[in-house]
Amino acid sequence: MLRLVARLLIFALLTLVTQIGGLAYLATLGLARLLRVRHEALRLGLFLLCYGAASIIAMLVAPSFGRVPLPCLAGNGETLAAQSPLYCVLNRNYVAPELREVALALAEHVDAEFPGTTTLVLDGSFPFLDGFPLLPHLSHGNGRALDVAYYYEDSEGRFRNGVTRSPIGYFAFEQPAAGDVLPCPAPQDGITLRWDLDALQPLFPNYRLEPQRTRAALRWLATAGVTRFGVRSVFIEPHLKQTLGVNSSHIRFQGCRAARHDDHLHIQLGRSGGV
């Protein structure tokens, strides 16, 4: 009974984190029984083979479901890449084809303005099924939302290409300055994804948001991104919008129930690609 419960928990966890990992796990159990593989190390190797095969199949089949993968690695003149290969390993780098065009065009624009700049993407969506949750996000279930890492400079003002403060691109917050308006009081019911994670902040490098590239990205998203590609909204914290001086109705606050957005940008397309 305990083994069954453990296997159900593993299946659920792998499915929630990678979407296809649970199926790969079931395939592993079946093959291990068929081939009489009992050693745990061999079973792990068999799972990795099944998961790798499932990921390749997902990449080939996903376009039939309206999803395409974003680039995983920068190279050969690529200006767009995943912040970490982990996002690709976990199959969280899929978006609608229109959103892929937005990300590529954004990266090309920022690189044209500031040569040698790589734009890093974070969570997109899973390869299949609208509405399938991409935890812990609230709005990454249909391939039309994408998180983009901020651009950073070091304490001496030197741009750090392809580098983020956080190892995964999330949770290293740009804290409001004294006097900045704080939009969200503590919720009365305690229900929120707006984590401050104060204990983590001293662990991150002393980098800061690079304003020129970030401002250029926001301005492009609010102009060409809207008119040419159907960007509906870009989420950012009010204090950063004010600091960067980018005013547009499409650049907005995400609300107090959602996660903070002073560690990354969130790009959202309209339902049909329109504004």
C-alpha atoms as a PDB file:
ATOM      1  CA  MET A   1       0.000   0.000   0.000  1.00  0.00           C
ATOM      2  CA  LEU A   2       2.802   2.407   0.921  1.00  0.00           C
ATOM      3  CA  ARG A   3       4.560   1.662  -2.360  1.00  0.00           C
ATOM      4  CA  LEU A   4       1.370   2.457  -4.286  1.00  0.00           C
ATOM      5  CA  VAL A   5       0.936   5.753  -2.421  1.00  0.00           C
ATOM      6  CA  ALA A   6       4.576   6.670  -3.049  1.00  0.00           C
ATOM      7  CA  ARG A   7       4.214   5.920  -6.751  1.00  0.00           C
ATOM      8  CA  LEU A   8       1.046   8.003  -6.976  1.00  0.00           C
ATOM      9  CA  LEU A   9       2.809  10.899  -5.291  1.00  0.00           C
ATOM     10  CA  ILE A  10       5.786  10.631  -7.643  1.00  0.00           C
ATOM     11  CA  PHE A  11       3.441  10.497 -10.637  1.00  0.00           C
ATOM     12  CA  ALA A  12       1.535  13.571  -9.427  1.00  0.00           C
ATOM     13  CA  LEU A  13       4.698  15.554  -8.675  1.00  0.00           C
ATOM     14  CA  LEU A  14       6.319  14.783 -12.023  1.00  0.00           C
ATOM     15  CA  THR A  15       3.099  15.667 -13.833  1.00  0.00           C
ATOM     16  CA  LEU A  16       2.693  18.978 -12.031  1.00  0.00           C
ATOM     17  CA  VAL A  17       6.321  20.017 -12.549  1.00  0.00           C
ATOM     18  CA  THR A  18       6.891  18.817 -16.131  1.00  0.00           C
ATOM     19  CA  GLN A  19       3.470  17.776 -17.505  1.00  0.00           C
ATOM     20  CA  ILE A  20       4.879  14.715 -19.282  1.00  0.00           C
ATOM     21  CA  GLY A  21       7.082  13.350 -16.493  1.00  0.00           C
ATOM     22  CA  GLY A  22       4.277  11.356 -14.944  1.00  0.00           C
ATOM     23  CA  LEU A  23       3.667   9.489 -18.188  1.00  0.00           C
ATOM     24  CA  ALA A  24       7.393   8.827 -18.514  1.00  0.00           C
ATOM     25  CA  TYR A  25       7.347   7.446 -14.981  1.00  0.00           C
ATOM     26  CA  LEU A  26       4.485   5.069 -15.805  1.00  0.00           C
ATOM     27  CA  ALA A  27       6.355   3.928 -18.916  1.00  0.00           C
ATOM     28  CA  THR A  28       9.427   3.324 -16.770  1.00  0.00           C
ATOM     29  CA  LEU A  29       7.481   1.152 -14.334  1.00  0.00           C
ATOM     30  CA  GLY A  30       6.047  -0.889 -17.174  1.00  0.00           C
ATOM     31  CA  LEU A  31       9.389  -1.368 -18.920  1.00  0.00           C
ATOM     32  CA  ALA A  32      11.167  -2.154 -15.653  1.00  0.00           C
ATOM     33  CA  ARG A  33       8.681  -4.937 -14.964  1.00  0.00           C
ATOM     34  CA  LEU A  34       8.851  -6.213 -18.547  1.00  0.00           C
ATOM     35  CA  LEU A  35      12.660  -6.216 -18.572  1.00  0.00           C
ATOM     36  CA  ARG A  36      12.904  -7.311 -14.935  1.00  0.00           C
ATOM     37  CA  VAL A  37      15.017  -4.312 -13.974  1.00  0.00           C
ATOM     38  CA  ARG A  38      15.265  -4.199 -10.186  1.00  0.00           C
ATOM     39  CA  HIS A  39      18.338  -2.102  -9.393  1.00  0.00           C
ATOM     40  CA  GLU A  40      17.361   1.476  -8.520  1.00  0.00           C
ATOM     41  CA  ALA A  41      20.218   3.040 -10.487  1.00  0.00           C
ATOM     42  CA  LEU A  42      19.165   1.144 -13.603  1.00  0.00           C
ATOM     43  CA  ARG A  43      15.553   2.189 -13.049  1.00  0.00           C
ATOM     44  CA  LEU A  44      16.671   5.814 -12.805  1.00  0.00           C
ATOM     45  CA  GLY A  45      18.586   5.458 -16.053  1.00  0.00           C
ATOM     46  CA  LEU A  46      15.535   3.891 -17.663  1.00  0.00           C
ATOM     47  CA  PHE A  47      13.392   6.801 -16.459  1.00  0.00           C
ATOM     48  CA  LEU A  48      15.819   9.339 -17.912  1.00  0.00           C
ATOM     49  CA  LEU A  49      15.652   7.537 -21.259  1.00  0.00           C
ATOM     50  CA  CYS A  50      11.859   7.493 -21.183  1.00  0.00           C
ATOM     51  CA  TYR A  51      11.689  11.136 -20.142  1.00  0.00           C
ATOM     52  CA  GLY A  52      14.137  12.189 -22.849  1.00  0.00           C
ATOM     53  CA  ALA A  53      12.162  10.296 -25.475  1.00  0.00           C
ATOM     54  CA  ALA A  54       8.907  11.834 -24.228  1.00  0.00           C
ATOM     55  CA  SER A  55      10.429  15.323 -24.383  1.00  0.00           C
ATOM     56  CA  ILE A  56      11.548  14.811 -27.975  1.00  0.00           C
ATOM     57  CA  ILE A  57       8.091  13.523 -28.923  1.00  0.00           C
ATOM     58  CA  ALA A  58       6.520  16.516 -27.166  1.00  0.00           C
ATOM     59  CA  MET A  59       8.685  18.918 -29.162  1.00  0.00           C
ATOM     60  CA  LEU A  60       7.579  17.275 -32.414  1.00  0.00           C
ATOM     61  CA  VAL A  61       3.893  17.036 -31.520  1.00  0.00           C
ATOM     62  CA  ALA A  62       3.380  20.337 -29.669  1.00  0.00           C
ATOM     63  CA  PRO A  63       2.876  22.438 -32.850  1.00  0.00           C
ATOM     64  CA  SER A  64      -0.280  20.410 -33.521  1.00  0.00           C
ATOM     65  CA  PHE A  65      -1.546  21.748 -30.182  1.00  0.00           C
ATOM     66  CA  GLY A  66      -0.612  25.346 -30.977  1.00  0.00           C
ATOM     67  CA  ARG A  67       2.635  25.435 -29.012  1.00  0.00           C
ATOM     68  CA  VAL A  68       6.257  25.820 -30.113  1.00  0.00           C
ATOM     69  CA  PRO A  69       9.456  25.725 -28.040  1.00  0.00           C
ATOM     70  CA  LEU A  70      11.574  28.777 -27.350  1.00  0.00           C
ATOM     71  CA  PRO A  71      15.360  28.556 -27.834  1.00  0.00           C
ATOM     72  CA  CYS A  72      17.187  26.882 -24.984  1.00  0.00           C
ATOM     73  CA  LEU A  73      20.739  28.110 -25.529  1.00  0.00           C
ATOM     74  CA  ALA A  74      22.296  31.240 -26.985  1.00  0.00           C
ATOM     75  CA  GLY A  75      24.749  30.657 -29.814  1.00  0.00           C
ATOM     76  CA  ASN A  76      25.383  31.271 -33.487  1.00  0.00           C
ATOM     77  CA  GLY A  77      24.203  34.848 -33.193  1.00  0.00           C
ATOM     78  CA  GLU A  78      21.060  33.969 -31.217  1.00  0.00           C
ATOM     79  CA  THR A  79      19.779  36.895 -29.164  1.00  0.00           C
ATOM     80  CA  LEU A  80      17.137  34.914 -27.245  1.00  0.00           C
ATOM     81  CA  ALA A  81      17.683  32.004 -24.873  1.00  0.00           C
ATOM     82  CA  ALA A  82      16.272  30.353 -21.793  1.00  0.00           C
ATOM     83  CA  GLN A  83      17.712  31.763 -18.583  1.00  0.00           C
ATOM     84  CA  SER A  84      18.587  28.200 -17.598  1.00  0.00           C
ATOM     85  CA  PRO A  85      18.486  24.896 -19.524  1.00  0.00           C
ATOM     86  CA  LEU A  86      16.310  23.717 -16.634  1.00  0.00           C
ATOM     87  CA  TYR A  87      13.304  25.466 -18.198  1.00  0.00           C
ATOM     88  CA  CYS A  88      13.731  23.338 -21.313  1.00  0.00           C
ATOM     89  CA  VAL A  89      14.440  20.145 -19.379  1.00  0.00           C
ATOM     90  CA  LEU A  90      11.168  20.689 -17.493  1.00  0.00           C
ATOM     91  CA  ASN A  91       9.253  21.475 -20.721  1.00  0.00           C
ATOM     92  CA  ARG A  92       8.253  24.932 -19.475  1.00  0.00           C
ATOM     93  CA  ASN A  93       9.580  26.756 -22.568  1.00  0.00           C
ATOM     94  CA  TYR A  94       6.543  26.355 -24.862  1.00  0.00           C
ATOM     95  CA  VAL A  95       4.428  29.240 -26.128  1.00  0.00           C
ATOM     96  CA  ALA A  96       1.981  30.009 -28.912  1.00  0.00           C
ATOM     97  CA  PRO A  97       3.735  30.703 -32.243  1.00  0.00           C
ATOM     98  CA  GLU A  98       2.658  34.366 -32.062  1.00  0.00           C
ATOM     99  CA  LEU A  99       4.313  34.767 -28.679  1.00  0.00           C
ATOM    100  CA  ARG A 100       7.506  33.183 -29.935  1.00  0.00           C
ATOM    101  CA  GLU A 101       7.551  35.853 -32.656  1.00  0.00           C
ATOM    102  CA  VAL A 102       7.137  38.537 -29.981  1.00  0.00           C
ATOM    103  CA  ALA A 103      10.049  37.175 -27.950  1.00  0.00           C
ATOM    104  CA  LEU A 104      12.340  36.866 -30.972  1.00  0.00           C
ATOM    105  CA  ALA A 105      11.484  40.346 -32.235  1.00  0.00           C
ATOM    106  CA  LEU A 106      11.957  41.840 -28.763  1.00  0.00           C
ATOM    107  CA  ALA A 107      15.384  40.231 -28.433  1.00  0.00           C
ATOM    108  CA  GLU A 108      16.407  41.428 -31.891  1.00  0.00           C
ATOM    109  CA  HIS A 109      15.275  44.977 -31.097  1.00  0.00           C
ATOM    110  CA  VAL A 110      17.190  45.202 -27.815  1.00  0.00           C
ATOM    111  CA  ASP A 111      20.283  43.711 -29.455  1.00  0.00           C
ATOM    112  CA  ALA A 112      20.018  46.220 -32.308  1.00  0.00           C
ATOM    113  CA  GLU A 113      19.838  49.065 -29.775  1.00  0.00           C
ATOM    114  CA  PHE A 114      22.586  47.590 -27.593  1.00  0.00           C
ATOM    115  CA  PRO A 115      24.717  45.134 -29.614  1.00  0.00           C
ATOM    116  CA  GLY A 116      25.776  42.007 -27.810  1.00  0.00           C
ATOM    117  CA  THR A 117      22.652  41.739 -25.655  1.00  0.00           C
ATOM    118  CA  THR A 118      21.005  38.394 -24.998  1.00  0.00           C
ATOM    119  CA  THR A 119      17.392  38.443 -23.817  1.00  0.00           C
ATOM    120  CA  LEU A 120      16.627  35.653 -21.349  1.00  0.00           C
ATOM    121  CA  VAL A 121      13.230  34.011 -21.003  1.00  0.00           C
ATOM    122  CA  LEU A 122      11.874  32.171 -17.974  1.00  0.00           C
ATOM    123  CA  ASP A 123       8.589  30.252 -17.724  1.00  0.00           C
ATOM    124  CA  GLY A 124       6.332  30.023 -20.752  1.00  0.00           C
ATOM    125  CA  SER A 125       3.851  27.145 -20.781  1.00  0.00           C
ATOM    126  CA  PHE A 126       3.793  23.374 -21.077  1.00  0.00           C
ATOM    127  CA  PRO A 127       3.554  21.790 -24.548  1.00  0.00           C
ATOM    128  CA  PHE A 128      -0.046  20.552 -24.308  1.00  0.00           C
ATOM    129  CA  LEU A 129      -3.559  21.324 -23.097  1.00  0.00           C
ATOM    130  CA  ASP A 130      -4.956  24.788 -22.483  1.00  0.00           C
ATOM    131  CA  GLY A 131      -5.809  25.247 -18.840  1.00  0.00           C
ATOM    132  CA  PHE A 132      -3.173  22.831 -17.543  1.00  0.00           C
ATOM    133  CA  PRO A 133      -1.618  24.711 -14.590  1.00  0.00           C
ATOM    134  CA  LEU A 134       2.006  25.807 -14.696  1.00  0.00           C
ATOM    135  CA  LEU A 135       2.600  26.169 -10.968  1.00  0.00           C
ATOM    136  CA  PRO A 136       3.008  28.525  -9.216  1.00  0.00           C
ATOM    137  CA  HIS A 137       1.704  30.853 -11.950  1.00  0.00           C
ATOM    138  CA  LEU A 138      -1.910  31.915 -12.330  1.00  0.00           C
ATOM    139  CA  SER A 139      -1.927  32.714 -16.059  1.00  0.00           C
ATOM    140  CA  HIS A 140       0.522  30.465 -17.930  1.00  0.00           C
ATOM    141  CA  GLY A 141      -1.961  27.795 -18.934  1.00  0.00           C
ATOM    142  CA  ASN A 142      -2.670  28.643 -22.568  1.00  0.00           C
ATOM    143  CA  GLY A 143       0.688  29.389 -24.201  1.00  0.00           C
ATOM    144  CA  ARG A 144      -0.022  33.117 -24.418  1.00  0.00           C
ATOM    145  CA  ALA A 145       2.017  34.252 -21.411  1.00  0.00           C
ATOM    146  CA  LEU A 146       5.788  34.467 -21.054  1.00  0.00           C
ATOM    147  CA  ASP A 147       8.116  35.689 -18.321  1.00  0.00           C
ATOM    148  CA  VAL A 148      11.252  37.556 -19.381  1.00  0.00           C
ATOM    149  CA  ALA A 149      14.223  38.154 -17.104  1.00  0.00           C
ATOM    150  CA  TYR A 150      15.409  41.662 -16.427  1.00  0.00           C
ATOM    151  CA  TYR A 151      18.736  42.927 -17.734  1.00  0.00           C
ATOM    152  CA  TYR A 152      21.341  43.544 -15.033  1.00  0.00           C
ATOM    153  CA  GLU A 153      24.493  45.528 -14.382  1.00  0.00           C
ATOM    154  CA  ASP A 154      27.038  45.132 -11.591  1.00  0.00           C
ATOM    155  CA  SER A 155      27.740  47.603  -8.822  1.00  0.00           C
ATOM    156  CA  GLU A 156      30.161  49.470 -11.098  1.00  0.00           C
ATOM    157  CA  GLY A 157      27.556  49.919 -13.836  1.00  0.00           C
ATOM    158  CA  ARG A 158      28.905  47.272 -16.241  1.00  0.00           C
ATOM    159  CA  PHE A 159      26.247  45.328 -18.133  1.00  0.00           C
ATOM    160  CA  ARG A 160      26.213  41.623 -17.293  1.00  0.00           C
ATOM    161  CA  ASN A 161      25.062  39.877 -20.442  1.00  0.00           C
ATOM    162  CA  GLY A 162      23.214  36.605 -19.971  1.00  0.00           C
ATOM    163  CA  VAL A 163      23.339  36.936 -16.185  1.00  0.00           C
ATOM    164  CA  THR A 164      20.566  37.297 -13.615  1.00  0.00           C
ATOM    165  CA  ARG A 165      20.752  37.914  -9.878  1.00  0.00           C
ATOM    166  CA  SER A 166      18.828  34.749  -9.067  1.00  0.00           C
ATOM    167  CA  PRO A 167      20.026  31.311 -10.277  1.00  0.00           C
ATOM    168  CA  ILE A 168      16.558  30.743 -11.776  1.00  0.00           C
ATOM    169  CA  GLY A 169      15.723  34.336 -12.705  1.00  0.00           C
ATOM    170  CA  TYR A 170      12.968  34.661 -10.107  1.00  0.00           C
ATOM    171  CA  PHE A 171      12.709  35.998  -6.543  1.00  0.00           C
ATOM    172  CA  ALA A 172      15.611  38.509  -6.570  1.00  0.00           C
ATOM    173  CA  PHE A 173      13.423  41.587  -6.145  1.00  0.00           C
ATOM    174  CA  GLU A 174      14.224  45.197  -7.005  1.00  0.00           C
ATOM    175  CA  GLN A 175      13.139  46.742  -3.745  1.00  0.00           C
ATOM    176  CA  PRO A 176      11.147  50.011  -3.713  1.00  0.00           C
ATOM    177  CA  ALA A 177      13.074  53.089  -2.643  1.00  0.00           C
ATOM    178  CA  ALA A 178      12.113  55.126   0.378  1.00  0.00           C
ATOM    179  CA  GLY A 179       9.041  57.135  -0.484  1.00  0.00           C
ATOM    180  CA  ASP A 180       7.825  54.849  -3.274  1.00  0.00           C
ATOM    181  CA  VAL A 181       4.164  54.012  -3.065  1.00  0.00           C
ATOM    182  CA  LEU A 182       3.599  50.423  -1.966  1.00  0.00           C
ATOM    183  CA  PRO A 183       0.532  49.111  -3.793  1.00  0.00           C
ATOM    184  CA  CYS A 184      -0.440  46.196  -1.595  1.00  0.00           C
ATOM    185  CA  PRO A 185      -1.225  46.143   2.101  1.00  0.00           C
ATOM    186  CA  ALA A 186      -1.088  42.793   3.827  1.00  0.00           C
ATOM    187  CA  PRO A 187      -4.184  40.807   2.777  1.00  0.00           C
ATOM    188  CA  GLN A 188      -6.779  40.377   5.480  1.00  0.00           C
ATOM    189  CA  ASP A 189      -7.383  36.724   4.585  1.00  0.00           C
ATOM    190  CA  GLY A 190      -3.711  35.897   4.060  1.00  0.00           C
ATOM    191  CA  ILE A 191      -4.343  34.566   0.530  1.00  0.00           C
ATOM    192  CA  THR A 192      -1.630  35.826  -1.800  1.00  0.00           C
ATOM    193  CA  LEU A 193       1.238  34.739  -4.042  1.00  0.00           C
ATOM    194  CA  ARG A 194       2.997  38.022  -3.363  1.00  0.00           C
ATOM    195  CA  TRP A 195       5.953  36.523  -1.508  1.00  0.00           C
ATOM    196  CA  ASP A 196       8.682  38.891  -0.323  1.00  0.00           C
ATOM    197  CA  LEU A 197      11.173  36.116   0.515  1.00  0.00           C
ATOM    198  CA  ASP A 198      13.196  38.500   2.654  1.00  0.00           C
ATOM    199  CA  ALA A 199      15.525  35.755   3.886  1.00  0.00           C
ATOM    200  CA  LEU A 200      16.742  35.061   0.335  1.00  0.00           C
ATOM    201  CA  GLN A 201      17.536  38.627  -0.715  1.00  0.00           C
ATOM    202  CA  PRO A 202      20.988  38.920   0.962  1.00  0.00           C
ATOM    203  CA  LEU A 203      22.088  35.726  -0.814  1.00  0.00           C
ATOM    204  CA  PHE A 204      21.839  37.217  -4.309  1.00  0.00           C
ATOM    205  CA  PRO A 205      24.717  39.109  -6.002  1.00  0.00           C
ATOM    206  CA  ASN A 206      24.825  42.869  -5.705  1.00  0.00           C
ATOM    207  CA  TYR A 207      23.592  43.448  -9.234  1.00  0.00           C
ATOM    208  CA  ARG A 208      20.946  45.996 -10.128  1.00  0.00           C
ATOM    209  CA  LEU A 209      18.479  46.419 -12.930  1.00  0.00           C
ATOM    210  CA  GLU A 210      20.142  47.823 -16.069  1.00  0.00           C
ATOM    211  CA  PRO A 211      17.782  50.698 -16.947  1.00  0.00           C
ATOM    212  CA  GLN A 212      18.587  51.404 -20.592  1.00  0.00           C
ATOM    213  CA  ARG A 213      17.941  47.923 -21.951  1.00  0.00           C
ATOM    214  CA  THR A 214      14.968  47.367 -19.663  1.00  0.00           C
ATOM    215  CA  ARG A 215      13.450  50.690 -20.722  1.00  0.00           C
ATOM    216  CA  ALA A 216      14.043  49.887 -24.399  1.00  0.00           C
ATOM    217  CA  ALA A 217      12.331  46.510 -23.986  1.00  0.00           C
ATOM    218  CA  LEU A 218       9.316  48.034 -22.276  1.00  0.00           C
ATOM    219  CA  ARG A 219       8.936  50.786 -24.861  1.00  0.00           C
ATOM    220  CA  TRP A 220       9.107  48.285 -27.716  1.00  0.00           C
ATOM    221  CA  LEU A 221       6.550  46.009 -26.079  1.00  0.00           C
ATOM    222  CA  ALA A 222       4.177  48.948 -25.524  1.00  0.00           C
ATOM    223  CA  THR A 223       4.472  50.157 -29.136  1.00  0.00           C
ATOM    224  CA  ALA A 224       5.524  47.667 -31.812  1.00  0.00           C
ATOM    225  CA  GLY A 225       4.675  44.761 -29.531  1.00  0.00           C
ATOM    226  CA  VAL A 226       1.092  46.006 -29.267  1.00  0.00           C
ATOM    227  CA  THR A 227       0.509  47.149 -32.841  1.00  0.00           C
ATOM    228  CA  ARG A 228       2.401  44.422 -34.693  1.00  0.00           C
ATOM    229  CA  PHE A 229       2.122  41.390 -32.447  1.00  0.00           C
ATOM    230  CA  GLY A 230      -0.966  41.836 -30.283  1.00  0.00           C
ATOM    231  CA  VAL A 231       0.674  42.226 -26.892  1.00  0.00           C
ATOM    232  CA  ARG A 232      -2.185  42.898 -24.492  1.00  0.00           C
ATOM    233  CA  SER A 233      -0.318  43.655 -21.290  1.00  0.00           C
ATOM    234  CA  VAL A 234       3.087  43.722 -19.650  1.00  0.00           C
ATOM    235  CA  PHE A 235       3.154  43.304 -15.875  1.00  0.00           C
ATOM    236  CA  ILE A 236       5.631  45.285 -13.800  1.00  0.00           C
ATOM    237  CA  GLU A 237       5.659  46.765 -10.311  1.00  0.00           C
ATOM    238  CA  PRO A 238       4.487  50.402 -10.109  1.00  0.00           C
ATOM    239  CA  HIS A 239       7.743  51.637  -8.560  1.00  0.00           C
ATOM    240  CA  LEU A 240       9.759  50.271 -11.509  1.00  0.00           C
ATOM    241  CA  LYS A 241       7.355  51.695 -14.062  1.00  0.00           C
ATOM    242  CA  GLN A 242       7.781  55.075 -12.415  1.00  0.00           C
ATOM    243  CA  THR A 243      11.563  54.769 -12.108  1.00  0.00           C
ATOM    244  CA  LEU A 244      11.972  53.748 -15.743  1.00  0.00           C
ATOM    245  CA  GLY A 245       9.607  56.460 -16.951  1.00  0.00           C
ATOM    246  CA  VAL A 246       7.639  54.250 -19.339  1.00  0.00           C
ATOM    247  CA  ASN A 247       3.977  55.221 -19.473  1.00  0.00           C
ATOM    248  CA  SER A 248       1.481  53.086 -21.347  1.00  0.00           C
ATOM    249  CA  SER A 249      -1.889  51.590 -20.557  1.00  0.00           C
ATOM    250  CA  HIS A 250      -0.463  48.251 -21.696  1.00  0.00           C
ATOM    251  CA  ILE A 251       2.220  48.349 -18.995  1.00  0.00           C
ATOM    252  CA  ARG A 252       0.351  47.715 -15.805  1.00  0.00           C
ATOM    253  CA  PHE A 253       0.304  46.373 -12.285  1.00  0.00           C
ATOM    254  CA  GLN A 254      -0.714  42.706 -12.035  1.00  0.00           C
ATOM    255  CA  GLY A 255      -2.692  43.069  -8.814  1.00  0.00           C
ATOM    256  CA  CYS A 256      -2.061  42.198  -5.199  1.00  0.00           C
ATOM    257  CA  ARG A 257      -3.048  38.518  -5.413  1.00  0.00           C
ATOM    258  CA  ALA A 258      -0.372  37.671  -7.987  1.00  0.00           C
ATOM    259  CA  ALA A 259       3.385  37.331  -7.518  1.00  0.00           C
ATOM    260  CA  ARG A 260       5.666  40.337  -7.424  1.00  0.00           C
ATOM    261  CA  HIS A 261       6.943  41.535 -10.775  1.00  0.00           C
ATOM    262  CA  ASP A 262      10.055  43.428  -9.813  1.00  0.00           C
ATOM    263  CA  ASP A 263      12.183  40.376 -10.566  1.00  0.00           C
ATOM    264  CA  HIS A 264      10.897  39.732 -14.104  1.00  0.00           C
ATOM    265  CA  LEU A 265       8.561  40.996 -16.833  1.00  0.00           C
ATOM    266  CA  HIS A 266       5.359  39.159 -17.710  1.00  0.00           C
ATOM    267  CA  ILE A 267       4.154  39.429 -21.321  1.00  0.00           C
ATOM    268  CA  GLN A 268       0.555  38.502 -22.132  1.00  0.00           C
ATOM    269  CA  LEU A 269      -1.000  38.228 -25.583  1.00  0.00           C
ATOM    270  CA  GLY A 270      -4.635  38.938 -26.334  1.00  0.00           C
ATOM    271  CA  ARG A 271      -6.843  35.882 -26.737  1.00  0.00           C
ATOM    272  CA  SER A 272      -6.944  36.123 -30.535  1.00  0.00           C
ATOM    273  CA  GLY A 273      -3.645  37.867 -31.032  1.00  0.00           C
ATOM    274  CA  GLY A 274      -5.248  41.306 -31.020  1.00  0.00           C
ATOM    275  CA  VAL A 275      -4.840  44.072 -28.475  1.00  0.00           C
END
